[in-house]
Amino acid sequence: MEREKKTYRSTRDRARLIQQLTAAYYEPGNLRRCYRAIWQRYIYPVYPMCYNTYLHYLGIDPAPEPRPEEDPRQLTLQF
């Protein structure tokens, strides 16, 4: 059974920004507005990354991961 890889908060934030840029410029069926064209024209100059990384960022869920519930046995400091 494979565990899902943890995504750090900064990566999720970057993925959210890239997904917003892609949503603003992408048009299905228009080759001047395909994913590769958007990556070359808008993404790569601001966020230098390869095309495969760009596609990976499009698949990341930008929602924050739920925090684990506090263990009642864990000691805490009271100020």
PDB file of N, CA and C in Angstrom:
ATOM      1  N   MET A   1       0.847  -1.169   0.000  1.00  0.00           N
ATOM      2  CA  MET A   1       0.000   0.000   0.000  1.00  0.00           C
ATOM      3  C   MET A   1       0.900   1.244   0.000  1.00  0.00           C
ATOM      4  N   GLU A   2       0.668   2.150  -0.945  1.00  0.00           N
ATOM      5  CA  GLU A   2       1.486   3.347  -1.053  1.00  0.00           C
ATOM      6  C   GLU A   2       0.879   4.471  -0.242  1.00  0.00           C
ATOM      7  N   ARG A   3       1.771   5.201   0.440  1.00  0.00           N
ATOM      8  CA  ARG A   3       1.314   6.376   1.153  1.00  0.00           C
ATOM      9  C   ARG A   3       1.316   7.557   0.200  1.00  0.00           C
ATOM     10  N   GLU A   4       0.406   8.471   0.431  1.00  0.00           N
ATOM     11  CA  GLU A   4       0.366   9.667  -0.390  1.00  0.00           C
ATOM     12  C   GLU A   4       1.479  10.605   0.062  1.00  0.00           C
ATOM     13  N   LYS A   5       2.179  11.197  -0.891  1.00  0.00           N
ATOM     14  CA  LYS A   5       3.298  12.066  -0.579  1.00  0.00           C
ATOM     15  C   LYS A   5       2.790  13.368   0.035  1.00  0.00           C
ATOM     16  N   LYS A   6       3.454  13.823   1.103  1.00  0.00           N
ATOM     17  CA  LYS A   6       3.066  15.054   1.766  1.00  0.00           C
ATOM     18  C   LYS A   6       3.413  16.240   0.880  1.00  0.00           C
ATOM     19  N   THR A   7       2.522  17.209   0.814  1.00  0.00           N
ATOM     20  CA  THR A   7       2.755  18.430   0.067  1.00  0.00           C
ATOM     21  C   THR A   7       2.899  19.570   1.061  1.00  0.00           C
ATOM     22  N   TYR A   8       4.022  20.262   0.994  1.00  0.00           N
ATOM     23  CA  TYR A   8       4.282  21.356   1.921  1.00  0.00           C
ATOM     24  C   TYR A   8       3.412  22.563   1.592  1.00  0.00           C
ATOM     25  N   ARG A   9       3.214  23.422   2.583  1.00  0.00           N
ATOM     26  CA  ARG A   9       2.333  24.571   2.429  1.00  0.00           C
ATOM     27  C   ARG A   9       2.812  25.507   1.317  1.00  0.00           C
ATOM     28  N   SER A  10       4.121  25.753   1.233  1.00  0.00           N
ATOM     29  CA  SER A  10       4.631  26.645   0.191  1.00  0.00           C
ATOM     30  C   SER A  10       4.378  26.063  -1.199  1.00  0.00           C
ATOM     31  N   THR A  11       4.476  24.745  -1.328  1.00  0.00           N
ATOM     32  CA  THR A  11       4.199  24.098  -2.613  1.00  0.00           C
ATOM     33  C   THR A  11       2.720  24.220  -2.955  1.00  0.00           C
ATOM     34  N   ARG A  12       1.845  24.050  -1.966  1.00  0.00           N
ATOM     35  CA  ARG A  12       0.406  24.204  -2.206  1.00  0.00           C
ATOM     36  C   ARG A  12       0.070  25.636  -2.609  1.00  0.00           C
ATOM     37  N   ASP A  13       0.728  26.620  -1.969  1.00  0.00           N
ATOM     38  CA  ASP A  13       0.486  28.018  -2.323  1.00  0.00           C
ATOM     39  C   ASP A  13       0.938  28.306  -3.752  1.00  0.00           C
ATOM     40  N   ARG A  14       2.118  27.800  -4.122  1.00  0.00           N
ATOM     41  CA  ARG A  14       2.627  27.986  -5.481  1.00  0.00           C
ATOM     42  C   ARG A  14       1.703  27.296  -6.486  1.00  0.00           C
ATOM     43  N   ALA A  15       1.231  26.110  -6.151  1.00  0.00           N
ATOM     44  CA  ALA A  15       0.318  25.383  -7.039  1.00  0.00           C
ATOM     45  C   ALA A  15      -0.985  26.153  -7.211  1.00  0.00           C
ATOM     46  N   ARG A  16      -1.473  26.766  -6.136  1.00  0.00           N
ATOM     47  CA  ARG A  16      -2.711  27.549  -6.219  1.00  0.00           C
ATOM     48  C   ARG A  16      -2.529  28.732  -7.169  1.00  0.00           C
ATOM     49  N   LEU A  17      -1.390  29.439  -7.072  1.00  0.00           N
ATOM     50  CA  LEU A  17      -1.133  30.574  -7.957  1.00  0.00           C
ATOM     51  C   LEU A  17      -1.015  30.134  -9.412  1.00  0.00           C
ATOM     52  N   ILE A  18      -0.338  29.022  -9.639  1.00  0.00           N
ATOM     53  CA  ILE A  18      -0.174  28.506 -10.997  1.00  0.00           C
ATOM     54  C   ILE A  18      -1.518  28.059 -11.559  1.00  0.00           C
ATOM     55  N   GLN A  19      -2.352  27.441 -10.739  1.00  0.00           N
ATOM     56  CA  GLN A  19      -3.677  27.020 -11.194  1.00  0.00           C
ATOM     57  C   GLN A  19      -4.553  28.225 -11.531  1.00  0.00           C
ATOM     58  N   GLN A  20      -4.411  29.324 -10.775  1.00  0.00           N
ATOM     59  CA  GLN A  20      -5.179  30.529 -11.078  1.00  0.00           C
ATOM     60  C   GLN A  20      -4.740  31.146 -12.402  1.00  0.00           C
ATOM     61  N   LEU A  21      -3.419  31.209 -12.644  1.00  0.00           N
ATOM     62  CA  LEU A  21      -2.919  31.727 -13.918  1.00  0.00           C
ATOM     63  C   LEU A  21      -3.396  30.863 -15.081  1.00  0.00           C
ATOM     64  N   THR A  22      -3.347  29.558 -14.890  1.00  0.00           N
ATOM     65  CA  THR A  22      -3.776  28.648 -15.950  1.00  0.00           C
ATOM     66  C   THR A  22      -5.269  28.803 -16.224  1.00  0.00           C
ATOM     67  N   ALA A  23      -6.069  28.937 -15.178  1.00  0.00           N
ATOM     68  CA  ALA A  23      -7.516  29.097 -15.363  1.00  0.00           C
ATOM     69  C   ALA A  23      -7.838  30.398 -16.094  1.00  0.00           C
ATOM     70  N   ALA A  24      -7.015  31.423 -15.902  1.00  0.00           N
ATOM     71  CA  ALA A  24      -7.268  32.708 -16.550  1.00  0.00           C
ATOM     72  C   ALA A  24      -6.965  32.672 -18.046  1.00  0.00           C
ATOM     73  N   TYR A  25      -5.995  31.857 -18.473  1.00  0.00           N
ATOM     74  CA  TYR A  25      -5.539  31.898 -19.860  1.00  0.00           C
ATOM     75  C   TYR A  25      -5.873  30.659 -20.686  1.00  0.00           C
ATOM     76  N   TYR A  26      -6.223  29.549 -20.076  1.00  0.00           N
ATOM     77  CA  TYR A  26      -6.427  28.296 -20.817  1.00  0.00           C
ATOM     78  C   TYR A  26      -7.736  28.317 -21.596  1.00  0.00           C
ATOM     79  N   GLU A  27      -7.671  27.889 -22.858  1.00  0.00           N
ATOM     80  CA  GLU A  27      -8.862  27.710 -23.690  1.00  0.00           C
ATOM     81  C   GLU A  27      -8.755  26.354 -24.371  1.00  0.00           C
ATOM     82  N   PRO A  28      -9.661  25.422 -24.090  1.00  0.00           N
ATOM     83  CA  PRO A  28      -9.587  24.121 -24.753  1.00  0.00           C
ATOM     84  C   PRO A  28      -9.831  24.261 -26.258  1.00  0.00           C
ATOM     85  N   GLY A  29      -9.016  23.573 -27.035  1.00  0.00           N
ATOM     86  CA  GLY A  29      -9.157  23.602 -28.480  1.00  0.00           C
ATOM     87  C   GLY A  29      -8.352  24.690 -29.167  1.00  0.00           C
ATOM     88  N   ASN A  30      -7.855  25.668 -28.424  1.00  0.00           N
ATOM     89  CA  ASN A  30      -7.063  26.752 -28.990  1.00  0.00           C
ATOM     90  C   ASN A  30      -5.592  26.461 -28.713  1.00  0.00           C
ATOM     91  N   LEU A  31      -4.814  26.162 -29.757  1.00  0.00           N
ATOM     92  CA  LEU A  31      -3.414  25.778 -29.560  1.00  0.00           C
ATOM     93  C   LEU A  31      -2.543  26.928 -29.070  1.00  0.00           C
ATOM     94  N   ARG A  32      -2.970  28.163 -29.264  1.00  0.00           N
ATOM     95  CA  ARG A  32      -2.206  29.288 -28.731  1.00  0.00           C
ATOM     96  C   ARG A  32      -2.477  29.477 -27.243  1.00  0.00           C
ATOM     97  N   ARG A  33      -3.479  28.787 -26.720  1.00  0.00           N
ATOM     98  CA  ARG A  33      -3.822  28.870 -25.295  1.00  0.00           C
ATOM     99  C   ARG A  33      -3.829  27.496 -24.639  1.00  0.00           C
ATOM    100  N   CYS A  34      -3.042  26.555 -25.163  1.00  0.00           N
ATOM    101  CA  CYS A  34      -2.954  25.220 -24.567  1.00  0.00           C
ATOM    102  C   CYS A  34      -2.022  25.286 -23.352  1.00  0.00           C
ATOM    103  N   TYR A  35      -1.912  24.191 -22.614  1.00  0.00           N
ATOM    104  CA  TYR A  35      -1.101  24.182 -21.401  1.00  0.00           C
ATOM    105  C   TYR A  35       0.357  24.520 -21.686  1.00  0.00           C
ATOM    106  N   ARG A  36       0.923  23.969 -22.752  1.00  0.00           N
ATOM    107  CA  ARG A  36       2.331  24.236 -23.059  1.00  0.00           C
ATOM    108  C   ARG A  36       2.549  25.713 -23.398  1.00  0.00           C
ATOM    109  N   ALA A  37       1.641  26.311 -24.141  1.00  0.00           N
ATOM    110  CA  ALA A  37       1.773  27.725 -24.493  1.00  0.00           C
ATOM    111  C   ALA A  37       1.652  28.607 -23.254  1.00  0.00           C
ATOM    112  N   ILE A  38       0.743  28.266 -22.361  1.00  0.00           N
ATOM    113  CA  ILE A  38       0.593  29.033 -21.117  1.00  0.00           C
ATOM    114  C   ILE A  38       1.845  28.892 -20.270  1.00  0.00           C
ATOM    115  N   TRP A  39       2.398  27.680 -20.206  1.00  0.00           N
ATOM    116  CA  TRP A  39       3.629  27.456 -19.443  1.00  0.00           C
ATOM    117  C   TRP A  39       4.767  28.305 -20.011  1.00  0.00           C
ATOM    118  N   GLN A  40       4.925  28.309 -21.342  1.00  0.00           N
ATOM    119  CA  GLN A  40       6.018  29.067 -21.958  1.00  0.00           C
ATOM    120  C   GLN A  40       5.839  30.570 -21.793  1.00  0.00           C
ATOM    121  N   ARG A  41       4.622  31.050 -21.963  1.00  0.00           N
ATOM    122  CA  ARG A  41       4.384  32.485 -22.012  1.00  0.00           C
ATOM    123  C   ARG A  41       4.216  33.127 -20.638  1.00  0.00           C
ATOM    124  N   TYR A  42       3.545  32.446 -19.708  1.00  0.00           N
ATOM    125  CA  TYR A  42       3.174  33.086 -18.451  1.00  0.00           C
ATOM    126  C   TYR A  42       3.802  32.451 -17.215  1.00  0.00           C
ATOM    127  N   ILE A  43       3.952  31.142 -17.189  1.00  0.00           N
ATOM    128  CA  ILE A  43       4.405  30.458 -15.981  1.00  0.00           C
ATOM    129  C   ILE A  43       5.926  30.447 -15.887  1.00  0.00           C
ATOM    130  N   TYR A  44       6.604  29.988 -16.935  1.00  0.00           N
ATOM    131  CA  TYR A  44       8.057  29.799 -16.884  1.00  0.00           C
ATOM    132  C   TYR A  44       8.831  31.085 -16.578  1.00  0.00           C
ATOM    133  N   PRO A  45       8.463  32.251 -17.124  1.00  0.00           N
ATOM    134  CA  PRO A  45       9.222  33.461 -16.783  1.00  0.00           C
ATOM    135  C   PRO A  45       9.120  33.848 -15.303  1.00  0.00           C
ATOM    136  N   VAL A  46       8.008  33.539 -14.661  1.00  0.00           N
ATOM    137  CA  VAL A  46       7.816  33.912 -13.257  1.00  0.00           C
ATOM    138  C   VAL A  46       8.266  32.798 -12.317  1.00  0.00           C
ATOM    139  N   TYR A  47       7.881  31.560 -12.640  1.00  0.00           N
ATOM    140  CA  TYR A  47       8.223  30.392 -11.834  1.00  0.00           C
ATOM    141  C   TYR A  47       9.034  29.434 -12.701  1.00  0.00           C
ATOM    142  N   PRO A  48      10.369  29.566 -12.735  1.00  0.00           N
ATOM    143  CA  PRO A  48      11.160  28.685 -13.604  1.00  0.00           C
ATOM    144  C   PRO A  48      11.056  27.227 -13.163  1.00  0.00           C
ATOM    145  N   MET A  49      10.417  26.421 -13.974  1.00  0.00           N
ATOM    146  CA  MET A  49      10.264  24.990 -13.704  1.00  0.00           C
ATOM    147  C   MET A  49      10.065  24.290 -15.035  1.00  0.00           C
ATOM    148  N   CYS A  50      10.294  22.989 -15.053  1.00  0.00           N
ATOM    149  CA  CYS A  50      10.092  22.244 -16.292  1.00  0.00           C
ATOM    150  C   CYS A  50       8.589  22.024 -16.514  1.00  0.00           C
ATOM    151  N   TYR A  51       8.261  21.624 -17.717  1.00  0.00           N
ATOM    152  CA  TYR A  51       6.860  21.432 -18.094  1.00  0.00           C
ATOM    153  C   TYR A  51       6.208  20.322 -17.279  1.00  0.00           C
ATOM    154  N   ASN A  52       6.951  19.254 -16.975  1.00  0.00           N
ATOM    155  CA  ASN A  52       6.379  18.156 -16.186  1.00  0.00           C
ATOM    156  C   ASN A  52       6.043  18.608 -14.769  1.00  0.00           C
ATOM    157  N   THR A  53       6.867  19.457 -14.177  1.00  0.00           N
ATOM    158  CA  THR A  53       6.570  19.994 -12.854  1.00  0.00           C
ATOM    159  C   THR A  53       5.316  20.859 -12.910  1.00  0.00           C
ATOM    160  N   TYR A  54       5.188  21.644 -13.957  1.00  0.00           N
ATOM    161  CA  TYR A  54       3.990  22.470 -14.151  1.00  0.00           C
ATOM    162  C   TYR A  54       2.733  21.596 -14.189  1.00  0.00           C
ATOM    163  N   LEU A  55       2.785  20.507 -14.945  1.00  0.00           N
ATOM    164  CA  LEU A  55       1.634  19.603 -15.009  1.00  0.00           C
ATOM    165  C   LEU A  55       1.364  18.965 -13.651  1.00  0.00           C
ATOM    166  N   HIS A  56       2.419  18.662 -12.896  1.00  0.00           N
ATOM    167  CA  HIS A  56       2.248  18.104 -11.552  1.00  0.00           C
ATOM    168  C   HIS A  56       1.545  19.118 -10.647  1.00  0.00           C
ATOM    169  N   TYR A  57       1.927  20.395 -10.733  1.00  0.00           N
ATOM    170  CA  TYR A  57       1.305  21.432  -9.912  1.00  0.00           C
ATOM    171  C   TYR A  57      -0.170  21.613 -10.257  1.00  0.00           C
ATOM    172  N   LEU A  58      -0.540  21.364 -11.501  1.00  0.00           N
ATOM    173  CA  LEU A  58      -1.953  21.472 -11.868  1.00  0.00           C
ATOM    174  C   LEU A  58      -2.794  20.401 -11.181  1.00  0.00           C
ATOM    175  N   GLY A  59      -2.167  19.288 -10.806  1.00  0.00           N
ATOM    176  CA  GLY A  59      -2.892  18.200 -10.164  1.00  0.00           C
ATOM    177  C   GLY A  59      -2.911  18.257  -8.650  1.00  0.00           C
ATOM    178  N   ILE A  60      -2.211  19.222  -8.052  1.00  0.00           N
ATOM    179  CA  ILE A  60      -2.148  19.321  -6.590  1.00  0.00           C
ATOM    180  C   ILE A  60      -3.396  20.020  -6.071  1.00  0.00           C
ATOM    181  N   ASP A  61      -3.982  19.470  -5.016  1.00  0.00           N
ATOM    182  CA  ASP A  61      -5.125  20.090  -4.362  1.00  0.00           C
ATOM    183  C   ASP A  61      -4.599  21.196  -3.452  1.00  0.00           C
ATOM    184  N   PRO A  62      -4.948  22.468  -3.700  1.00  0.00           N
ATOM    185  CA  PRO A  62      -4.384  23.550  -2.896  1.00  0.00           C
ATOM    186  C   PRO A  62      -5.035  23.724  -1.527  1.00  0.00           C
ATOM    187  N   ALA A  63      -6.035  22.918  -1.204  1.00  0.00           N
ATOM    188  CA  ALA A  63      -6.686  23.027   0.101  1.00  0.00           C
ATOM    189  C   ALA A  63      -5.713  22.600   1.198  1.00  0.00           C
ATOM    190  N   PRO A  64      -5.720  23.298   2.319  1.00  0.00           N
ATOM    191  CA  PRO A  64      -4.807  22.922   3.403  1.00  0.00           C
ATOM    192  C   PRO A  64      -5.146  21.547   3.968  1.00  0.00           C
ATOM    193  N   GLU A  65      -4.112  20.853   4.400  1.00  0.00           N
ATOM    194  CA  GLU A  65      -4.319  19.535   4.996  1.00  0.00           C
ATOM    195  C   GLU A  65      -4.939  19.699   6.376  1.00  0.00           C
ATOM    196  N   PRO A  66      -5.847  18.822   6.755  1.00  0.00           N
ATOM    197  CA  PRO A  66      -6.455  18.936   8.083  1.00  0.00           C
ATOM    198  C   PRO A  66      -5.418  18.693   9.174  1.00  0.00           C
ATOM    199  N   ARG A  67      -5.542  19.460  10.233  1.00  0.00           N
ATOM    200  CA  ARG A  67      -4.622  19.293  11.354  1.00  0.00           C
ATOM    201  C   ARG A  67      -5.032  18.055  12.142  1.00  0.00           C
ATOM    202  N   PRO A  68      -4.049  17.322  12.625  1.00  0.00           N
ATOM    203  CA  PRO A  68      -4.395  16.138  13.419  1.00  0.00           C
ATOM    204  C   PRO A  68      -5.039  16.552  14.742  1.00  0.00           C
ATOM    205  N   GLU A  69      -5.946  15.714  15.199  1.00  0.00           N
ATOM    206  CA  GLU A  69      -6.616  16.012  16.466  1.00  0.00           C
ATOM    207  C   GLU A  69      -5.612  15.912  17.604  1.00  0.00           C
ATOM    208  N   GLU A  70      -5.832  16.745  18.615  1.00  0.00           N
ATOM    209  CA  GLU A  70      -4.919  16.747  19.752  1.00  0.00           C
ATOM    210  C   GLU A  70      -5.140  15.495  20.595  1.00  0.00           C
ATOM    211  N   ASP A  71      -4.047  14.938  21.033  1.00  0.00           N
ATOM    212  CA  ASP A  71      -4.087  13.754  21.881  1.00  0.00           C
ATOM    213  C   ASP A  71      -4.303  14.216  23.322  1.00  0.00           C
ATOM    214  N   PRO A  72      -5.331  13.727  24.009  1.00  0.00           N
ATOM    215  CA  PRO A  72      -5.579  14.174  25.387  1.00  0.00           C
ATOM    216  C   PRO A  72      -4.459  13.774  26.345  1.00  0.00           C
ATOM    217  N   ARG A  73      -3.646  12.803  25.954  1.00  0.00           N
ATOM    218  CA  ARG A  73      -2.550  12.379  26.826  1.00  0.00           C
ATOM    219  C   ARG A  73      -1.315  13.261  26.669  1.00  0.00           C
ATOM    220  N   GLN A  74      -1.289  14.116  25.628  1.00  0.00           N
ATOM    221  CA  GLN A  74      -0.133  14.971  25.383  1.00  0.00           C
ATOM    222  C   GLN A  74      -0.106  16.113  26.390  1.00  0.00           C
ATOM    223  N   LEU A  75       1.038  16.324  27.025  1.00  0.00           N
ATOM    224  CA  LEU A  75       1.184  17.414  27.978  1.00  0.00           C
ATOM    225  C   LEU A  75       1.292  18.741  27.243  1.00  0.00           C
ATOM    226  N   THR A  76       0.690  19.778  27.821  1.00  0.00           N
ATOM    227  CA  THR A  76       0.775  21.119  27.256  1.00  0.00           C
ATOM    228  C   THR A  76       1.181  22.087  28.347  1.00  0.00           C
ATOM    229  N   LEU A  77       1.756  23.196  27.933  1.00  0.00           N
ATOM    230  CA  LEU A  77       2.151  24.229  28.884  1.00  0.00           C
ATOM    231  C   LEU A  77       1.026  25.239  29.025  1.00  0.00           C
ATOM    232  N   GLN A  78       0.686  25.575  30.241  1.00  0.00           N
ATOM    233  CA  GLN A  78      -0.348  26.567  30.512  1.00  0.00           C
ATOM    234  C   GLN A  78       0.340  27.854  30.952  1.00  0.00           C
ATOM    235  N   PHE A  79       0.134  28.933  30.215  1.00  0.00           N
ATOM    236  CA  PHE A  79       0.751  30.219  30.572  1.00  0.00           C
ATOM    237  C   PHE A  79      -0.244  31.091  31.262  1.00  0.00           C
TER     238      PHE A  79
END
